[in-house]
C-alpha atoms as a PDB file:
ATOM      1  CA  MET A   1      22.413  17.219 -10.153  1.00  0.00           C
ATOM      2  CA  PRO A   2      20.475  17.654 -13.412  1.00  0.00           C
ATOM      3  CA  LEU A   3      21.518  20.418 -15.766  1.00  0.00           C
ATOM      4  CA  LEU A   4      18.681  20.524 -18.268  1.00  0.00           C
ATOM      5  CA  LYS A   5      15.327  22.111 -17.539  1.00  0.00           C
ATOM      6  CA  HIS A   6      13.285  18.979 -18.260  1.00  0.00           C
ATOM      7  CA  ALA A   7      15.638  16.897 -16.119  1.00  0.00           C
ATOM      8  CA  LYS A   8      15.161  19.276 -13.192  1.00  0.00           C
ATOM      9  CA  LYS A   9      11.392  19.036 -13.594  1.00  0.00           C
ATOM     10  CA  ALA A  10      11.576  15.245 -13.774  1.00  0.00           C
ATOM     11  CA  LEU A  11      13.598  15.194 -10.554  1.00  0.00           C
ATOM     12  CA  ARG A  12      10.968  17.305  -8.785  1.00  0.00           C
ATOM     13  CA  ALA A  13       8.164  15.074 -10.073  1.00  0.00           C
ATOM     14  CA  SER A  14      10.042  11.959  -9.042  1.00  0.00           C
ATOM     15  CA  ALA A  15      10.526  13.335  -5.533  1.00  0.00           C
ATOM     16  CA  ARG A  16       6.799  14.094  -5.214  1.00  0.00           C
ATOM     17  CA  LYS A  17       5.824  10.642  -6.458  1.00  0.00           C
ATOM     18  CA  THR A  18       8.344   8.958  -4.155  1.00  0.00           C
ATOM     19  CA  GLU A  19       6.962  10.797  -1.138  1.00  0.00           C
ATOM     20  CA  PHE A  20       3.371   9.872  -1.986  1.00  0.00           C
ATOM     21  CA  ASN A  21       4.278   6.246  -2.711  1.00  0.00           C
ATOM     22  CA  GLN A  22       6.031   6.012   0.656  1.00  0.00           C
ATOM     23  CA  GLN A  23       2.834   7.223   2.345  1.00  0.00           C
ATOM     24  CA  VAL A  24       0.773   4.584   0.545  1.00  0.00           C
ATOM     25  CA  LYS A  25       3.235   1.807   1.446  1.00  0.00           C
ATOM     26  CA  SER A  26       3.380   2.973   5.059  1.00  0.00           C
ATOM     27  CA  LYS A  27      -0.411   2.991   5.274  1.00  0.00           C
ATOM     28  CA  LEU A  28      -0.474  -0.549   3.878  1.00  0.00           C
ATOM     29  CA  ARG A  29       2.060  -1.801   6.430  1.00  0.00           C
ATOM     30  CA  THR A  30       0.210  -0.079   9.280  1.00  0.00           C
ATOM     31  CA  GLU A  31      -3.167  -1.528   8.352  1.00  0.00           C
ATOM     32  CA  VAL A  32      -1.760  -5.031   7.920  1.00  0.00           C
ATOM     33  CA  SER A  33      -0.011  -4.930  11.292  1.00  0.00           C
ATOM     34  CA  ARG A  34      -3.164  -3.620  12.990  1.00  0.00           C
ATOM     35  CA  MET A  35      -5.151  -6.446  11.442  1.00  0.00           C
ATOM     36  CA  ARG A  36      -2.625  -9.023  12.599  1.00  0.00           C
ATOM     37  CA  THR A  37      -2.685  -7.752  16.189  1.00  0.00           C
ATOM     38  CA  ALA A  38      -6.446  -7.227  16.536  1.00  0.00           C
ATOM     39  CA  PRO A  39      -8.488  -8.755  13.700  1.00  0.00           C
ATOM     40  CA  GLN A  40     -11.912  -7.180  13.194  1.00  0.00           C
ATOM     41  CA  VAL A  41     -14.374  -7.103  10.315  1.00  0.00           C
ATOM     42  CA  ASP A  42     -14.214  -3.318   9.825  1.00  0.00           C
ATOM     43  CA  GLN A  43     -10.421  -3.487   9.928  1.00  0.00           C
ATOM     44  CA  LEU A  44     -10.509  -6.021   7.094  1.00  0.00           C
ATOM     45  CA  ALA A  45     -12.189  -3.482   4.817  1.00  0.00           C
ATOM     46  CA  ARG A  46      -9.453  -0.937   5.577  1.00  0.00           C
ATOM     47  CA  VAL A  47      -6.762  -3.505   4.796  1.00  0.00           C
ATOM     48  CA  PHE A  48      -8.411  -4.418   1.491  1.00  0.00           C
ATOM     49  CA  SER A  49      -8.639  -0.749   0.562  1.00  0.00           C
ATOM     50  CA  ALA A  50      -4.972  -0.119   1.371  1.00  0.00           C
ATOM     51  CA  VAL A  51      -3.905  -3.204  -0.584  1.00  0.00           C
ATOM     52  CA  ASP A  52      -5.961  -2.208  -3.621  1.00  0.00           C
ATOM     53  CA  LYS A  53      -4.538   1.329  -3.594  1.00  0.00           C
ATOM     54  CA  ALA A  54      -1.004  -0.051  -3.467  1.00  0.00           C
ATOM     55  CA  VAL A  55      -1.742  -2.352  -6.408  1.00  0.00           C
ATOM     56  CA  LYS A  56      -3.252   0.511  -8.381  1.00  0.00           C
ATOM     57  CA  ARG A  57      -0.016   2.478  -8.010  1.00  0.00           C
ATOM     58  CA  HIS A  58       2.096  -0.606  -8.881  1.00  0.00           C
ATOM     59  CA  LEU A  59       3.727  -0.656  -5.451  1.00  0.00           C
ATOM     60  CA  VAL A  60       2.670  -4.242  -4.763  1.00  0.00           C
ATOM     61  CA  HIS A  61       2.285  -7.041  -7.284  1.00  0.00           C
ATOM     62  CA  ARG A  62      -1.297  -8.211  -7.748  1.00  0.00           C
ATOM     63  CA  ASN A  63      -0.431 -11.756  -6.701  1.00  0.00           C
ATOM     64  CA  LYS A  64       1.077 -10.501  -3.458  1.00  0.00           C
ATOM     65  CA  ALA A  65      -2.056  -8.427  -2.930  1.00  0.00           C
ATOM     66  CA  ALA A  66      -4.235 -11.496  -3.383  1.00  0.00           C
ATOM     67  CA  ARG A  67      -2.054 -13.431  -0.952  1.00  0.00           C
ATOM     68  CA  LEU A  68      -2.254 -10.622   1.624  1.00  0.00           C
ATOM     69  CA  LYS A  69      -6.027 -10.414   1.302  1.00  0.00           C
ATOM     70  CA  SER A  70      -6.314 -14.150   1.775  1.00  0.00           C
ATOM     71  CA  GLN A  71      -4.069 -14.121   4.840  1.00  0.00           C
ATOM     72  CA  MET A  72      -5.952 -11.217   6.398  1.00  0.00           C
ATOM     73  CA  SER A  73      -9.380 -12.764   5.811  1.00  0.00           C
ATOM     74  CA  ARG A  74      -8.210 -16.030   7.409  1.00  0.00           C
ATOM     75  CA  LEU A  75      -7.421 -14.127  10.609  1.00  0.00           C
ATOM     76  CA  LEU A  76     -11.115 -13.544  11.246  1.00  0.00           C
ATOM     77  CA  PRO A  77     -12.976 -16.273  13.099  1.00  0.00           C
ATOM     78  CA  SER A  78     -15.280 -18.257  10.834  1.00  0.00           C
ATOM     79  CA  LYS A  79     -18.995 -17.977  11.494  1.00  0.00           C
END
């Protein structure tokens, strides 16, 4: 347990950030699994948005994001 005032504040901030990051990661996993089970064009946009938000918060590496986007777009039937 932190003793100093700034350490206590940092612990609170870290807890808030951890909770929010978990929400973002969970949303990403949910959207990807939905896309894999029932691929649709509007679902693809939601997946891309979730991936980009995770990259913006440094939760997913940008190369992994590119790979995920590629995999998800290949699930759609070609026209």
